[in-house]
Amino acid sequence: MSTGRVIQPCKAGCGQEIQLVVIIPTRLVPGTERKRIPLDLTFDPADGLPPSHAMNFGRTRCRPITPDHPIEDHEVPAITHFATCPARSARTPVSTATEGTP
């Protein structure tokens, strides 16, 4: 897998340009291939949503922002496109809470 970011249109149908960036997981699992996550090309704190990911300065890798690992001064804030995509938010959510039901 290439380590650079890939810019392409959203596949959910909103048409917005997104960037696919290699994500560094919070728990490394030996032998698993790194995956990419769709991020918006820009992040604006005025939009009212907090950043979900912190990118390296070159914008080629990111990691989730957690209470234990907040964004650092040398990182660039980003938000997952899953949180902002109008095509995704128009869909009916699917419940996965089926455990414990007959």
N, C-alpha and C. Protein backbone atom coordinates (compact mmCIF):
# COMPACT_ATOMS: atom_id res chain seq x y z
N MET A 1 0.84 -1.18 0.00
CA MET A 1 0.00 0.00 0.00
C MET A 1 0.88 1.24 0.00
N SER A 2 0.51 2.18 -0.81
CA SER A 2 1.21 3.46 -0.85
C SER A 2 0.98 4.19 0.47
N THR A 3 1.96 4.96 0.92
CA THR A 3 1.82 5.67 2.18
C THR A 3 1.26 7.07 2.00
N GLY A 4 1.09 7.53 0.76
CA GLY A 4 0.55 8.86 0.52
C GLY A 4 -0.96 8.88 0.63
N ARG A 5 -1.52 10.06 0.59
CA ARG A 5 -2.97 10.17 0.63
C ARG A 5 -3.52 10.10 -0.79
N VAL A 6 -4.76 9.67 -0.88
CA VAL A 6 -5.46 9.55 -2.16
C VAL A 6 -6.65 10.49 -2.10
N ILE A 7 -6.80 11.35 -3.10
CA ILE A 7 -7.95 12.25 -3.16
C ILE A 7 -8.89 11.74 -4.24
N GLN A 8 -10.18 11.61 -3.86
CA GLN A 8 -11.19 11.08 -4.78
C GLN A 8 -12.56 11.57 -4.35
N PRO A 9 -13.57 11.44 -5.22
CA PRO A 9 -14.94 11.80 -4.83
C PRO A 9 -15.50 10.79 -3.83
N CYS A 10 -16.39 11.25 -2.99
CA CYS A 10 -17.06 10.39 -2.02
C CYS A 10 -17.85 9.31 -2.76
N LYS A 11 -17.71 8.06 -2.31
CA LYS A 11 -18.41 6.94 -2.95
C LYS A 11 -19.83 6.77 -2.43
N ALA A 12 -20.19 7.49 -1.37
CA ALA A 12 -21.56 7.39 -0.84
C ALA A 12 -22.55 8.21 -1.67
N GLY A 13 -22.01 9.06 -2.55
CA GLY A 13 -22.89 9.78 -3.46
C GLY A 13 -23.03 11.27 -3.24
N CYS A 14 -22.33 11.85 -2.28
CA CYS A 14 -22.50 13.29 -2.07
C CYS A 14 -21.68 14.11 -3.06
N GLY A 15 -20.66 13.49 -3.68
CA GLY A 15 -19.86 14.17 -4.69
C GLY A 15 -18.72 15.00 -4.15
N GLN A 16 -18.62 15.14 -2.84
CA GLN A 16 -17.55 15.93 -2.24
C GLN A 16 -16.20 15.22 -2.42
N GLU A 17 -15.16 16.00 -2.68
CA GLU A 17 -13.81 15.44 -2.73
C GLU A 17 -13.36 15.11 -1.31
N ILE A 18 -12.83 13.92 -1.13
CA ILE A 18 -12.33 13.48 0.18
C ILE A 18 -10.90 13.00 0.01
N GLN A 19 -10.23 12.82 1.13
CA GLN A 19 -8.88 12.25 1.11
C GLN A 19 -8.89 10.95 1.89
N LEU A 20 -8.30 9.92 1.31
CA LEU A 20 -8.13 8.65 2.00
C LEU A 20 -6.72 8.65 2.56
N VAL A 21 -6.63 8.53 3.88
CA VAL A 21 -5.35 8.64 4.57
C VAL A 21 -5.12 7.36 5.38
N VAL A 22 -3.89 6.90 5.41
CA VAL A 22 -3.54 5.72 6.20
C VAL A 22 -3.76 6.03 7.67
N ILE A 23 -4.51 5.16 8.35
CA ILE A 23 -4.80 5.37 9.77
C ILE A 23 -3.88 4.50 10.62
N ILE A 24 -3.34 5.12 11.64
CA ILE A 24 -2.53 4.40 12.62
C ILE A 24 -3.48 4.02 13.75
N PRO A 25 -3.76 2.74 13.94
CA PRO A 25 -4.75 2.34 14.96
C PRO A 25 -4.25 2.60 16.37
N THR A 26 -5.19 2.68 17.31
CA THR A 26 -4.83 2.89 18.71
C THR A 26 -4.17 1.64 19.29
N ARG A 27 -4.55 0.47 18.75
CA ARG A 27 -3.91 -0.79 19.16
C ARG A 27 -3.34 -1.44 17.92
N LEU A 28 -2.05 -1.63 17.89
CA LEU A 28 -1.41 -2.28 16.75
C LEU A 28 -1.60 -3.78 16.86
N VAL A 29 -1.99 -4.40 15.76
CA VAL A 29 -2.16 -5.85 15.70
C VAL A 29 -1.15 -6.38 14.70
N PRO A 30 -0.17 -7.15 15.18
CA PRO A 30 0.85 -7.66 14.26
C PRO A 30 0.25 -8.45 13.11
N GLY A 31 0.76 -8.20 11.91
CA GLY A 31 0.33 -8.94 10.74
C GLY A 31 -0.87 -8.35 10.02
N THR A 32 -1.49 -7.30 10.55
CA THR A 32 -2.62 -6.70 9.86
C THR A 32 -2.14 -5.53 9.01
N GLU A 33 -2.74 -5.41 7.84
CA GLU A 33 -2.38 -4.32 6.93
C GLU A 33 -3.05 -3.03 7.38
N ARG A 34 -2.35 -1.95 7.24
CA ARG A 34 -2.92 -0.65 7.58
C ARG A 34 -4.06 -0.33 6.63
N LYS A 35 -5.06 0.37 7.12
CA LYS A 35 -6.22 0.73 6.31
C LYS A 35 -6.25 2.24 6.12
N ARG A 36 -7.09 2.68 5.19
CA ARG A 36 -7.28 4.10 4.95
C ARG A 36 -8.66 4.51 5.46
N ILE A 37 -8.75 5.75 5.90
CA ILE A 37 -10.02 6.30 6.37
C ILE A 37 -10.34 7.54 5.54
N PRO A 38 -11.62 7.75 5.18
CA PRO A 38 -11.98 8.95 4.44
C PRO A 38 -12.06 10.16 5.37
N LEU A 39 -11.32 11.20 5.05
CA LEU A 39 -11.34 12.44 5.81
C LEU A 39 -11.75 13.58 4.88
N ASP A 40 -12.43 14.58 5.44
CA ASP A 40 -12.72 15.78 4.67
C ASP A 40 -11.40 16.46 4.32
N LEU A 41 -11.37 17.15 3.18
CA LEU A 41 -10.13 17.84 2.77
C LEU A 41 -9.77 18.97 3.70
N THR A 42 -10.76 19.59 4.32
CA THR A 42 -10.49 20.69 5.24
C THR A 42 -11.22 20.45 6.55
N PHE A 43 -10.76 21.11 7.59
CA PHE A 43 -11.43 21.06 8.89
C PHE A 43 -11.63 22.49 9.35
N ASP A 44 -12.87 22.84 9.70
CA ASP A 44 -13.19 24.17 10.19
C ASP A 44 -13.86 24.03 11.55
N PRO A 45 -13.20 24.47 12.63
CA PRO A 45 -13.81 24.36 13.96
C PRO A 45 -15.13 25.13 14.08
N ALA A 46 -15.33 26.13 13.21
CA ALA A 46 -16.56 26.92 13.25
C ALA A 46 -17.78 26.09 12.84
N ASP A 47 -17.58 24.92 12.21
CA ASP A 47 -18.69 24.07 11.81
C ASP A 47 -19.38 23.41 13.00
N GLY A 48 -18.78 23.48 14.17
CA GLY A 48 -19.41 22.96 15.38
C GLY A 48 -19.09 21.52 15.73
N LEU A 49 -18.35 20.82 14.88
CA LEU A 49 -17.95 19.44 15.18
C LEU A 49 -16.49 19.41 15.61
N PRO A 50 -16.17 18.63 16.64
CA PRO A 50 -14.76 18.54 17.04
C PRO A 50 -13.99 17.66 16.05
N PRO A 51 -12.68 17.83 15.97
CA PRO A 51 -11.90 16.96 15.09
C PRO A 51 -11.95 15.52 15.61
N SER A 52 -11.97 14.57 14.68
CA SER A 52 -12.00 13.16 15.06
C SER A 52 -10.63 12.51 14.95
N HIS A 53 -9.76 13.10 14.11
CA HIS A 53 -8.45 12.52 13.84
C HIS A 53 -7.38 13.60 13.82
N ALA A 54 -6.16 13.17 14.09
CA ALA A 54 -5.00 14.05 14.03
C ALA A 54 -4.09 13.52 12.92
N MET A 55 -3.79 14.40 11.95
CA MET A 55 -2.92 14.01 10.84
C MET A 55 -1.51 14.51 11.08
N ASN A 56 -0.55 13.78 10.50
CA ASN A 56 0.82 14.27 10.53
C ASN A 56 0.90 15.51 9.63
N PHE A 57 1.97 16.27 9.74
CA PHE A 57 2.09 17.52 9.01
C PHE A 57 2.01 17.31 7.50
N GLY A 58 2.52 16.18 6.99
CA GLY A 58 2.46 15.89 5.56
C GLY A 58 1.12 15.39 5.08
N ARG A 59 0.18 15.18 6.01
CA ARG A 59 -1.18 14.72 5.71
C ARG A 59 -1.20 13.36 5.00
N THR A 60 -0.27 12.48 5.37
CA THR A 60 -0.23 11.15 4.78
C THR A 60 -0.67 10.06 5.75
N ARG A 61 -0.69 10.37 7.05
CA ARG A 61 -1.11 9.42 8.08
C ARG A 61 -1.96 10.16 9.11
N CYS A 62 -2.82 9.39 9.79
CA CYS A 62 -3.63 9.99 10.85
C CYS A 62 -3.83 8.97 11.95
N ARG A 63 -4.34 9.46 13.05
CA ARG A 63 -4.68 8.61 14.19
C ARG A 63 -5.93 9.17 14.84
N PRO A 64 -6.71 8.32 15.51
CA PRO A 64 -7.90 8.82 16.20
C PRO A 64 -7.49 9.72 17.37
N ILE A 65 -8.29 10.73 17.62
CA ILE A 65 -8.10 11.57 18.81
C ILE A 65 -8.93 10.94 19.92
N THR A 66 -8.31 10.70 21.05
CA THR A 66 -8.99 10.10 22.20
C THR A 66 -8.71 10.96 23.44
N PRO A 67 -9.46 10.77 24.51
CA PRO A 67 -9.16 11.52 25.74
C PRO A 67 -7.74 11.24 26.25
N ASP A 68 -7.27 10.01 26.06
CA ASP A 68 -5.91 9.66 26.49
C ASP A 68 -4.84 10.18 25.55
N HIS A 69 -5.20 10.44 24.28
CA HIS A 69 -4.26 10.90 23.26
C HIS A 69 -4.86 12.07 22.49
N PRO A 70 -4.92 13.26 23.13
CA PRO A 70 -5.48 14.42 22.44
C PRO A 70 -4.55 14.88 21.32
N ILE A 71 -5.06 15.77 20.49
CA ILE A 71 -4.26 16.29 19.39
C ILE A 71 -3.06 17.07 19.95
N GLU A 72 -1.93 16.94 19.29
CA GLU A 72 -0.72 17.62 19.73
C GLU A 72 -0.43 18.81 18.82
N ASP A 73 0.41 19.70 19.28
CA ASP A 73 0.70 20.95 18.55
C ASP A 73 1.22 20.72 17.14
N HIS A 74 1.97 19.65 16.93
CA HIS A 74 2.56 19.40 15.61
C HIS A 74 1.62 18.67 14.65
N GLU A 75 0.40 18.36 15.09
CA GLU A 75 -0.55 17.61 14.27
C GLU A 75 -1.60 18.54 13.67
N VAL A 76 -2.21 18.08 12.58
CA VAL A 76 -3.24 18.83 11.86
C VAL A 76 -4.60 18.21 12.19
N PRO A 77 -5.59 18.99 12.66
CA PRO A 77 -6.90 18.42 12.96
C PRO A 77 -7.64 18.03 11.69
N ALA A 78 -8.40 16.95 11.79
CA ALA A 78 -9.19 16.46 10.64
C ALA A 78 -10.47 15.84 11.18
N ILE A 79 -11.44 15.70 10.28
CA ILE A 79 -12.70 15.05 10.67
C ILE A 79 -13.03 13.98 9.63
N THR A 80 -13.50 12.86 10.14
CA THR A 80 -13.88 11.78 9.25
C THR A 80 -15.08 12.20 8.39
N HIS A 81 -15.05 11.81 7.15
CA HIS A 81 -16.14 12.16 6.24
C HIS A 81 -17.43 11.44 6.63
N PHE A 82 -17.32 10.36 7.39
CA PHE A 82 -18.51 9.66 7.88
C PHE A 82 -19.39 10.60 8.71
N ALA A 83 -18.77 11.57 9.40
CA ALA A 83 -19.51 12.50 10.27
C ALA A 83 -20.14 13.65 9.50
N THR A 84 -19.67 13.93 8.30
CA THR A 84 -20.15 15.13 7.59
C THR A 84 -20.85 14.84 6.27
N CYS A 85 -20.81 13.62 5.79
CA CYS A 85 -21.36 13.29 4.47
C CYS A 85 -22.89 13.40 4.48
N PRO A 86 -23.45 14.30 3.67
CA PRO A 86 -24.91 14.41 3.63
C PRO A 86 -25.59 13.17 3.06
N ALA A 87 -24.92 12.43 2.19
CA ALA A 87 -25.51 11.20 1.64
C ALA A 87 -25.63 10.13 2.72
N ARG A 88 -24.69 10.09 3.63
CA ARG A 88 -24.74 9.10 4.72
C ARG A 88 -25.76 9.49 5.77
N SER A 89 -25.84 10.77 6.11
CA SER A 89 -26.75 11.19 7.17
C SER A 89 -28.21 11.09 6.75
N ALA A 90 -28.48 11.02 5.45
CA ALA A 90 -29.85 10.89 4.96
C ALA A 90 -30.36 9.46 5.06
N ARG A 91 -29.46 8.53 5.27
CA ARG A 91 -29.86 7.12 5.36
C ARG A 91 -30.43 6.82 6.74
N THR A 92 -31.26 5.79 6.80
CA THR A 92 -31.80 5.33 8.08
C THR A 92 -30.73 4.51 8.78
N PRO A 93 -30.41 4.86 10.04
CA PRO A 93 -29.39 4.08 10.75
C PRO A 93 -29.83 2.63 10.96
N VAL A 94 -28.89 1.73 10.91
CA VAL A 94 -29.14 0.32 11.12
C VAL A 94 -28.74 -0.02 12.55
N SER A 95 -29.63 -0.60 13.31
CA SER A 95 -29.34 -0.96 14.69
C SER A 95 -28.56 -2.26 14.71
N THR A 96 -27.49 -2.26 15.50
CA THR A 96 -26.71 -3.49 15.68
C THR A 96 -26.90 -4.05 17.08
N ALA A 97 -27.82 -3.47 17.82
CA ALA A 97 -28.06 -3.90 19.20
C ALA A 97 -29.02 -5.07 19.21
N THR A 98 -28.56 -6.25 18.82
CA THR A 98 -29.42 -7.43 18.76
C THR A 98 -29.04 -8.45 19.81
N GLU A 99 -27.92 -8.24 20.51
CA GLU A 99 -27.52 -9.20 21.53
C GLU A 99 -28.53 -9.19 22.67
N GLY A 100 -28.85 -10.34 23.13
CA GLY A 100 -29.76 -10.45 24.26
C GLY A 100 -31.24 -10.44 23.87
N THR A 101 -31.54 -10.33 22.59
CA THR A 101 -32.95 -10.37 22.17
C THR A 101 -33.25 -11.74 21.61
N PRO A 102 -34.45 -12.25 21.87
CA PRO A 102 -34.79 -13.60 21.38
C PRO A 102 -34.95 -13.64 19.88
